[in-house]
Amino acid sequence: MLGLYFVLLMQIVQNARNVARSSRMYICMGVCALLLFHILVNIGMVAGRMPVTGIPLPLMSYGGSNVLSFS
């Protein structure tokens, strides 16, 4: 799963590099930063290094509300 998240994040960064307008690049990088933050916090919680909060793993949470918010 971590490898798939890495591929997704790298694809978003590559898309940000290829856009013509800077505002679109900022949107892509903001989405990438948000996903990266959620992934790192969730991994930290599972590893026991961070306190458990209500942040679900992006695109994998049960119930589908997180998938809808990232779509």
PDB file of N, CA and C in Angstrom:
ATOM      1  N   MET A   1       0.813  -1.191   0.000  1.00  0.00           N
ATOM      2  CA  MET A   1       0.000   0.000   0.000  1.00  0.00           C
ATOM      3  C   MET A   1       0.858   1.256   0.000  1.00  0.00           C
ATOM      4  N   LEU A   2       1.946   1.222   0.744  1.00  0.00           N
ATOM      5  CA  LEU A   2       2.803   2.402   0.765  1.00  0.00           C
ATOM      6  C   LEU A   2       3.395   2.681  -0.607  1.00  0.00           C
ATOM      7  N   GLY A   3       3.707   1.611  -1.341  1.00  0.00           N
ATOM      8  CA  GLY A   3       4.230   1.778  -2.694  1.00  0.00           C
ATOM      9  C   GLY A   3       3.198   2.410  -3.625  1.00  0.00           C
ATOM     10  N   LEU A   4       1.944   2.018  -3.477  1.00  0.00           N
ATOM     11  CA  LEU A   4       0.889   2.609  -4.303  1.00  0.00           C
ATOM     12  C   LEU A   4       0.671   4.083  -3.946  1.00  0.00           C
ATOM     13  N   TYR A   5       0.737   4.393  -2.666  1.00  0.00           N
ATOM     14  CA  TYR A   5       0.640   5.800  -2.266  1.00  0.00           C
ATOM     15  C   TYR A   5       1.818   6.597  -2.821  1.00  0.00           C
ATOM     16  N   PHE A   6       3.008   6.016  -2.816  1.00  0.00           N
ATOM     17  CA  PHE A   6       4.178   6.698  -3.367  1.00  0.00           C
ATOM     18  C   PHE A   6       3.984   6.974  -4.856  1.00  0.00           C
ATOM     19  N   VAL A   7       3.487   5.993  -5.595  1.00  0.00           N
ATOM     20  CA  VAL A   7       3.241   6.182  -7.031  1.00  0.00           C
ATOM     21  C   VAL A   7       2.204   7.274  -7.248  1.00  0.00           C
ATOM     22  N   LEU A   8       1.141   7.279  -6.447  1.00  0.00           N
ATOM     23  CA  LEU A   8       0.116   8.307  -6.568  1.00  0.00           C
ATOM     24  C   LEU A   8       0.679   9.696  -6.302  1.00  0.00           C
ATOM     25  N   LEU A   9       1.466   9.834  -5.251  1.00  0.00           N
ATOM     26  CA  LEU A   9       2.054  11.133  -4.922  1.00  0.00           C
ATOM     27  C   LEU A   9       3.036  11.593  -5.995  1.00  0.00           C
ATOM     28  N   MET A  10       3.821  10.681  -6.532  1.00  0.00           N
ATOM     29  CA  MET A  10       4.759  11.054  -7.594  1.00  0.00           C
ATOM     30  C   MET A  10       4.029  11.456  -8.874  1.00  0.00           C
ATOM     31  N   GLN A  11       2.903  10.830  -9.156  1.00  0.00           N
ATOM     32  CA  GLN A  11       2.109  11.202 -10.331  1.00  0.00           C
ATOM     33  C   GLN A  11       1.530  12.602 -10.159  1.00  0.00           C
ATOM     34  N   ILE A  12       1.079  12.919  -8.956  1.00  0.00           N
ATOM     35  CA  ILE A  12       0.545  14.257  -8.691  1.00  0.00           C
ATOM     36  C   ILE A  12       1.640  15.304  -8.838  1.00  0.00           C
ATOM     37  N   VAL A  13       2.835  15.015  -8.331  1.00  0.00           N
ATOM     38  CA  VAL A  13       3.956  15.953  -8.465  1.00  0.00           C
ATOM     39  C   VAL A  13       4.341  16.121  -9.924  1.00  0.00           C
ATOM     40  N   GLN A  14       4.349  15.051 -10.687  1.00  0.00           N
ATOM     41  CA  GLN A  14       4.675  15.149 -12.110  1.00  0.00           C
ATOM     42  C   GLN A  14       3.622  15.966 -12.849  1.00  0.00           C
ATOM     43  N   ASN A  15       2.367  15.788 -12.509  1.00  0.00           N
ATOM     44  CA  ASN A  15       1.316  16.602 -13.110  1.00  0.00           C
ATOM     45  C   ASN A  15       1.502  18.073 -12.756  1.00  0.00           C
ATOM     46  N   ALA A  16       1.927  18.353 -11.541  1.00  0.00           N
ATOM     47  CA  ALA A  16       2.161  19.741 -11.132  1.00  0.00           C
ATOM     48  C   ALA A  16       3.300  20.358 -11.928  1.00  0.00           C
ATOM     49  N   ARG A  17       4.283  19.575 -12.282  1.00  0.00           N
ATOM     50  CA  ARG A  17       5.396  20.096 -13.079  1.00  0.00           C
ATOM     51  C   ARG A  17       4.994  20.407 -14.508  1.00  0.00           C
ATOM     52  N   ASN A  18       3.992  19.709 -15.027  1.00  0.00           N
ATOM     53  CA  ASN A  18       3.637  19.834 -16.435  1.00  0.00           C
ATOM     54  C   ASN A  18       2.532  20.839 -16.732  1.00  0.00           C
ATOM     55  N   VAL A  19       1.959  21.464 -15.722  1.00  0.00           N
ATOM     56  CA  VAL A  19       0.885  22.421 -15.975  1.00  0.00           C
ATOM     57  C   VAL A  19       1.467  23.764 -16.379  1.00  0.00           C
ATOM     58  N   ALA A  20       0.683  24.516 -17.135  1.00  0.00           N
ATOM     59  CA  ALA A  20       1.164  25.799 -17.645  1.00  0.00           C
ATOM     60  C   ALA A  20       0.953  26.940 -16.658  1.00  0.00           C
ATOM     61  N   ARG A  21      -0.113  26.868 -15.886  1.00  0.00           N
ATOM     62  CA  ARG A  21      -0.427  27.966 -14.978  1.00  0.00           C
ATOM     63  C   ARG A  21       0.021  27.639 -13.566  1.00  0.00           C
ATOM     64  N   SER A  22       0.529  28.650 -12.886  1.00  0.00           N
ATOM     65  CA  SER A  22       1.058  28.426 -11.542  1.00  0.00           C
ATOM     66  C   SER A  22      -0.060  28.119 -10.536  1.00  0.00           C
ATOM     67  N   SER A  23      -1.264  28.647 -10.772  1.00  0.00           N
ATOM     68  CA  SER A  23      -2.348  28.367  -9.830  1.00  0.00           C
ATOM     69  C   SER A  23      -2.703  26.884  -9.834  1.00  0.00           C
ATOM     70  N   ARG A  24      -2.660  26.242 -10.990  1.00  0.00           N
ATOM     71  CA  ARG A  24      -2.932  24.809 -11.060  1.00  0.00           C
ATOM     72  C   ARG A  24      -1.827  23.997 -10.404  1.00  0.00           C
ATOM     73  N   MET A  25      -0.595  24.486 -10.512  1.00  0.00           N
ATOM     74  CA  MET A  25       0.518  23.812  -9.855  1.00  0.00           C
ATOM     75  C   MET A  25       0.354  23.859  -8.339  1.00  0.00           C
ATOM     76  N   TYR A  26      -0.101  25.002  -7.822  1.00  0.00           N
ATOM     77  CA  TYR A  26      -0.327  25.132  -6.387  1.00  0.00           C
ATOM     78  C   TYR A  26      -1.446  24.218  -5.906  1.00  0.00           C
ATOM     79  N   ILE A  27      -2.477  24.041  -6.721  1.00  0.00           N
ATOM     80  CA  ILE A  27      -3.563  23.137  -6.354  1.00  0.00           C
ATOM     81  C   ILE A  27      -3.053  21.704  -6.287  1.00  0.00           C
ATOM     82  N   CYS A  28      -2.280  21.289  -7.294  1.00  0.00           N
ATOM     83  CA  CYS A  28      -1.729  19.929  -7.307  1.00  0.00           C
ATOM     84  C   CYS A  28      -0.818  19.696  -6.103  1.00  0.00           C
ATOM     85  N   MET A  29       0.030  20.645  -5.809  1.00  0.00           N
ATOM     86  CA  MET A  29       0.950  20.470  -4.692  1.00  0.00           C
ATOM     87  C   MET A  29       0.205  20.512  -3.354  1.00  0.00           C
ATOM     88  N   GLY A  30      -0.874  21.277  -3.267  1.00  0.00           N
ATOM     89  CA  GLY A  30      -1.684  21.286  -2.055  1.00  0.00           C
ATOM     90  C   GLY A  30      -2.362  19.946  -1.821  1.00  0.00           C
ATOM     91  N   VAL A  31      -2.885  19.348  -2.878  1.00  0.00           N
ATOM     92  CA  VAL A  31      -3.493  18.023  -2.763  1.00  0.00           C
ATOM     93  C   VAL A  31      -2.444  17.001  -2.359  1.00  0.00           C
ATOM     94  N   CYS A  32      -1.255  17.106  -2.940  1.00  0.00           N
ATOM     95  CA  CYS A  32      -0.163  16.192  -2.606  1.00  0.00           C
ATOM     96  C   CYS A  32       0.243  16.355  -1.139  1.00  0.00           C
ATOM     97  N   ALA A  33       0.347  17.577  -0.675  1.00  0.00           N
ATOM     98  CA  ALA A  33       0.729  17.817   0.720  1.00  0.00           C
ATOM     99  C   ALA A  33      -0.339  17.301   1.682  1.00  0.00           C
ATOM    100  N   LEU A  34      -1.613  17.488   1.327  1.00  0.00           N
ATOM    101  CA  LEU A  34      -2.688  16.998   2.175  1.00  0.00           C
ATOM    102  C   LEU A  34      -2.675  15.477   2.269  1.00  0.00           C
ATOM    103  N   LEU A  35      -2.518  14.812   1.134  1.00  0.00           N
ATOM    104  CA  LEU A  35      -2.440  13.352   1.141  1.00  0.00           C
ATOM    105  C   LEU A  35      -1.231  12.866   1.929  1.00  0.00           C
ATOM    106  N   LEU A  36      -0.089  13.500   1.719  1.00  0.00           N
ATOM    107  CA  LEU A  36       1.131  13.098   2.421  1.00  0.00           C
ATOM    108  C   LEU A  36       0.983  13.271   3.924  1.00  0.00           C
ATOM    109  N   PHE A  37       0.374  14.371   4.343  1.00  0.00           N
ATOM    110  CA  PHE A  37       0.159  14.598   5.780  1.00  0.00           C
ATOM    111  C   PHE A  37      -0.722  13.508   6.377  1.00  0.00           C
ATOM    112  N   HIS A  38      -1.827  13.199   5.711  1.00  0.00           N
ATOM    113  CA  HIS A  38      -2.736  12.178   6.222  1.00  0.00           C
ATOM    114  C   HIS A  38      -2.065  10.811   6.265  1.00  0.00           C
ATOM    115  N   ILE A  39      -1.281  10.495   5.257  1.00  0.00           N
ATOM    116  CA  ILE A  39      -0.584   9.202   5.220  1.00  0.00           C
ATOM    117  C   ILE A  39       0.439   9.112   6.347  1.00  0.00           C
ATOM    118  N   LEU A  40       1.237  10.158   6.525  1.00  0.00           N
ATOM    119  CA  LEU A  40       2.267  10.135   7.563  1.00  0.00           C
ATOM    120  C   LEU A  40       1.667  10.082   8.965  1.00  0.00           C
ATOM    121  N   VAL A  41       0.593  10.816   9.189  1.00  0.00           N
ATOM    122  CA  VAL A  41      -0.049  10.783  10.506  1.00  0.00           C
ATOM    123  C   VAL A  41      -0.626   9.404  10.771  1.00  0.00           C
ATOM    124  N   ASN A  42      -1.263   8.814   9.771  1.00  0.00           N
ATOM    125  CA  ASN A  42      -1.848   7.496   9.961  1.00  0.00           C
ATOM    126  C   ASN A  42      -0.782   6.445  10.202  1.00  0.00           C
ATOM    127  N   ILE A  43       0.322   6.501   9.490  1.00  0.00           N
ATOM    128  CA  ILE A  43       1.422   5.560   9.710  1.00  0.00           C
ATOM    129  C   ILE A  43       2.011   5.748  11.103  1.00  0.00           C
ATOM    130  N   GLY A  44       2.142   6.995  11.544  1.00  0.00           N
ATOM    131  CA  GLY A  44       2.636   7.268  12.888  1.00  0.00           C
ATOM    132  C   GLY A  44       1.721   6.719  13.969  1.00  0.00           C
ATOM    133  N   MET A  45       0.410   6.788  13.731  1.00  0.00           N
ATOM    134  CA  MET A  45      -0.540   6.245  14.705  1.00  0.00           C
ATOM    135  C   MET A  45      -0.446   4.724  14.758  1.00  0.00           C
ATOM    136  N   VAL A  46      -0.351   4.091  13.605  1.00  0.00           N
ATOM    137  CA  VAL A  46      -0.271   2.631  13.572  1.00  0.00           C
ATOM    138  C   VAL A  46       1.030   2.144  14.197  1.00  0.00           C
ATOM    139  N   ALA A  47       2.115   2.881  13.996  1.00  0.00           N
ATOM    140  CA  ALA A  47       3.409   2.499  14.556  1.00  0.00           C
ATOM    141  C   ALA A  47       3.510   2.805  16.045  1.00  0.00           C
ATOM    142  N   GLY A  48       2.560   3.553  16.582  1.00  0.00           N
ATOM    143  CA  GLY A  48       2.582   3.875  18.002  1.00  0.00           C
ATOM    144  C   GLY A  48       3.444   5.069  18.344  1.00  0.00           C
ATOM    145  N   ARG A  49       3.854   5.847  17.381  1.00  0.00           N
ATOM    146  CA  ARG A  49       4.701   7.022  17.616  1.00  0.00           C
ATOM    147  C   ARG A  49       3.912   8.306  17.782  1.00  0.00           C
ATOM    148  N   MET A  50       2.632   8.276  17.390  1.00  0.00           N
ATOM    149  CA  MET A  50       1.789   9.460  17.487  1.00  0.00           C
ATOM    150  C   MET A  50       0.499   9.075  18.210  1.00  0.00           C
ATOM    151  N   PRO A  51      -0.136  10.036  18.837  1.00  0.00           N
ATOM    152  CA  PRO A  51      -1.412   9.724  19.498  1.00  0.00           C
ATOM    153  C   PRO A  51      -2.494   9.409  18.462  1.00  0.00           C
ATOM    154  N   VAL A  52      -3.383   8.531  18.827  1.00  0.00           N
ATOM    155  CA  VAL A  52      -4.442   8.117  17.913  1.00  0.00           C
ATOM    156  C   VAL A  52      -5.472   9.236  17.803  1.00  0.00           C
ATOM    157  N   THR A  53      -5.707   9.677  16.572  1.00  0.00           N
ATOM    158  CA  THR A  53      -6.701  10.719  16.287  1.00  0.00           C
ATOM    159  C   THR A  53      -7.709  10.155  15.297  1.00  0.00           C
ATOM    160  N   GLY A  54      -8.596  10.980  14.826  1.00  0.00           N
ATOM    161  CA  GLY A  54      -9.637  10.534  13.925  1.00  0.00           C
ATOM    162  C   GLY A  54      -9.288  10.683  12.456  1.00  0.00           C
ATOM    163  N   ILE A  55      -8.016  10.768  12.118  1.00  0.00           N
ATOM    164  CA  ILE A  55      -7.628  10.929  10.716  1.00  0.00           C
ATOM    165  C   ILE A  55      -7.550   9.554  10.062  1.00  0.00           C
ATOM    166  N   PRO A  56      -8.418   9.292   9.085  1.00  0.00           N
ATOM    167  CA  PRO A  56      -8.384   7.981   8.418  1.00  0.00           C
ATOM    168  C   PRO A  56      -7.313   7.937   7.335  1.00  0.00           C
ATOM    169  N   LEU A  57      -6.966   6.750   6.927  1.00  0.00           N
ATOM    170  CA  LEU A  57      -6.026   6.579   5.827  1.00  0.00           C
ATOM    171  C   LEU A  57      -6.734   6.963   4.533  1.00  0.00           C
ATOM    172  N   PRO A  58      -6.150   7.882   3.761  1.00  0.00           N
ATOM    173  CA  PRO A  58      -6.828   8.361   2.557  1.00  0.00           C
ATOM    174  C   PRO A  58      -7.143   7.231   1.576  1.00  0.00           C
ATOM    175  N   LEU A  59      -8.335   7.293   1.027  1.00  0.00           N
ATOM    176  CA  LEU A  59      -8.829   6.372   0.004  1.00  0.00           C
ATOM    177  C   LEU A  59      -8.983   4.936   0.496  1.00  0.00           C
ATOM    178  N   MET A  60      -8.839   4.682   1.797  1.00  0.00           N
ATOM    179  CA  MET A  60      -8.929   3.329   2.319  1.00  0.00           C
ATOM    180  C   MET A  60      -9.884   3.211   3.503  1.00  0.00           C
ATOM    181  N   SER A  61     -10.469   4.303   3.953  1.00  0.00           N
ATOM    182  CA  SER A  61     -11.291   4.245   5.151  1.00  0.00           C
ATOM    183  C   SER A  61     -12.596   3.521   4.875  1.00  0.00           C
ATOM    184  N   TYR A  62     -13.119   2.882   5.892  1.00  0.00           N
ATOM    185  CA  TYR A  62     -14.380   2.171   5.777  1.00  0.00           C
ATOM    186  C   TYR A  62     -15.521   3.173   5.873  1.00  0.00           C
ATOM    187  N   GLY A  63     -16.451   3.081   4.979  1.00  0.00           N
ATOM    188  CA  GLY A  63     -17.602   3.966   4.995  1.00  0.00           C
ATOM    189  C   GLY A  63     -17.669   4.848   3.768  1.00  0.00           C
ATOM    190  N   GLY A  64     -16.555   5.196   3.198  1.00  0.00           N
ATOM    191  CA  GLY A  64     -16.537   5.930   1.951  1.00  0.00           C
ATOM    192  C   GLY A  64     -16.557   7.437   2.050  1.00  0.00           C
ATOM    193  N   SER A  65     -16.710   8.007   3.242  1.00  0.00           N
ATOM    194  CA  SER A  65     -16.760   9.465   3.337  1.00  0.00           C
ATOM    195  C   SER A  65     -15.415  10.093   2.981  1.00  0.00           C
ATOM    196  N   ASN A  66     -14.340   9.442   3.317  1.00  0.00           N
ATOM    197  CA  ASN A  66     -13.029   9.964   2.967  1.00  0.00           C
ATOM    198  C   ASN A  66     -12.784   9.892   1.470  1.00  0.00           C
ATOM    199  N   VAL A  67     -13.267   8.866   0.827  1.00  0.00           N
ATOM    200  CA  VAL A  67     -13.125   8.742  -0.630  1.00  0.00           C
ATOM    201  C   VAL A  67     -13.882   9.877  -1.316  1.00  0.00           C
ATOM    202  N   LEU A  68     -15.072  10.187  -0.827  1.00  0.00           N
ATOM    203  CA  LEU A  68     -15.849  11.273  -1.422  1.00  0.00           C
ATOM    204  C   LEU A  68     -15.181  12.613  -1.226  1.00  0.00           C
ATOM    205  N   SER A  69     -14.550  12.835  -0.097  1.00  0.00           N
ATOM    206  CA  SER A  69     -13.904  14.119   0.147  1.00  0.00           C
ATOM    207  C   SER A  69     -12.623  14.286  -0.665  1.00  0.00           C
ATOM    208  N   PHE A  70     -11.980  13.212  -1.056  1.00  0.00           N
ATOM    209  CA  PHE A  70     -10.777  13.306  -1.876  1.00  0.00           C
ATOM    210  C   PHE A  70     -11.061  13.208  -3.363  1.00  0.00           C
ATOM    211  N   SER A  71     -12.296  12.905  -3.741  1.00  0.00           N
ATOM    212  CA  SER A  71     -12.645  12.779  -5.162  1.00  0.00           C
ATOM    213  C   SER A  71     -12.891  14.114  -5.795  1.00  0.00           C
TER     214      SER A  71
END
